[in-house]
Amino acid sequence: MLSSAFLTIALAVAAFAHPARQLSAKVITSCSVPNTAALTFDDGPWKYSEQIVDTLDARGIKATFFVNGDNYGCIYGDAQAQALKNAYSKGHQIASHTWAHKDLATLSRDEVDSEFTGVDKALESILGVKVAFVRPPFGSYSADVLQVAAEHGQNVIIWDFDSGDGSGVSPARSKSRYDKLVASHPNTILALNHETYVTTATTVLPHAIEELQDAGYELVTVADCLGLSPYLSVGNAGTNDVCL
């Protein structure tokens, strides 16, 4: 029988040889609740946000906005903050797209954490929420990004359908992509769009909604299409900061 002293030493050596596994956030690329479609919009808040929200609300749809801190405009600006508050107050999900739309996989760990922290702080200040989801810009991530996301309590959301608006695809081709998607009728859809293009707001979105609803999909937030909570906590908004 091993002595207690020897056993203690053996356990210590084993722990040193096999350190605790670092946290790593889950990467989600598709919805899990059957027959759901989640429309997502990246890169805001921007001037087309309220038009998009009006179009969604008119059809009884909730969507998800992955927002930056300082991309098309500073999140603390009056128009940007109002766009956020409008979408949130009407039941749409707000999530992180990190601060300045940098390729997180090219950054140091401290830089990645700063990109997370900046927008998290802004959303807690403006809306009073701690978000539970993040989408890395360009869908680009590394082991450091996944560890930082886990430390912030956030799942990493990618997509399984791209409308193409962010890569210069014409509105007609974006609509055609939705047509082909609906024709193939996958069980669930997690769709990437951007709220920073007027043609997405005025042309592509109404077409996508009609096609998806006619095909029988329930259009919901990312949180709802996964059966998860959209926020880590919900509290009171604070005082707006400023972008440098």
Foldseek 3Di string as FASTA:
>chain_A
DDDPVVVVVVVVVVCVVPPDDFAFFAEDAFFDAFQAEAEEAEEDPDDLLVLLLVLQVVVPFAHEYAYACQEVHHCLDPNNLVSVCVNVVVPHFYHHQFYHLDQLQVDDLVVLLNRVVNVQVQCCQSFVFRFAEYEHRVNHDDRSNRSSSVVSNHHYYDFDEELCVVVPDDLVSSLVSLVVCLVVPDRYGYYYHHSPDVCCSPPNVVSNVVSSVVSPGHYYYSCVSHVHDGTPDGDDHHDRDDDD
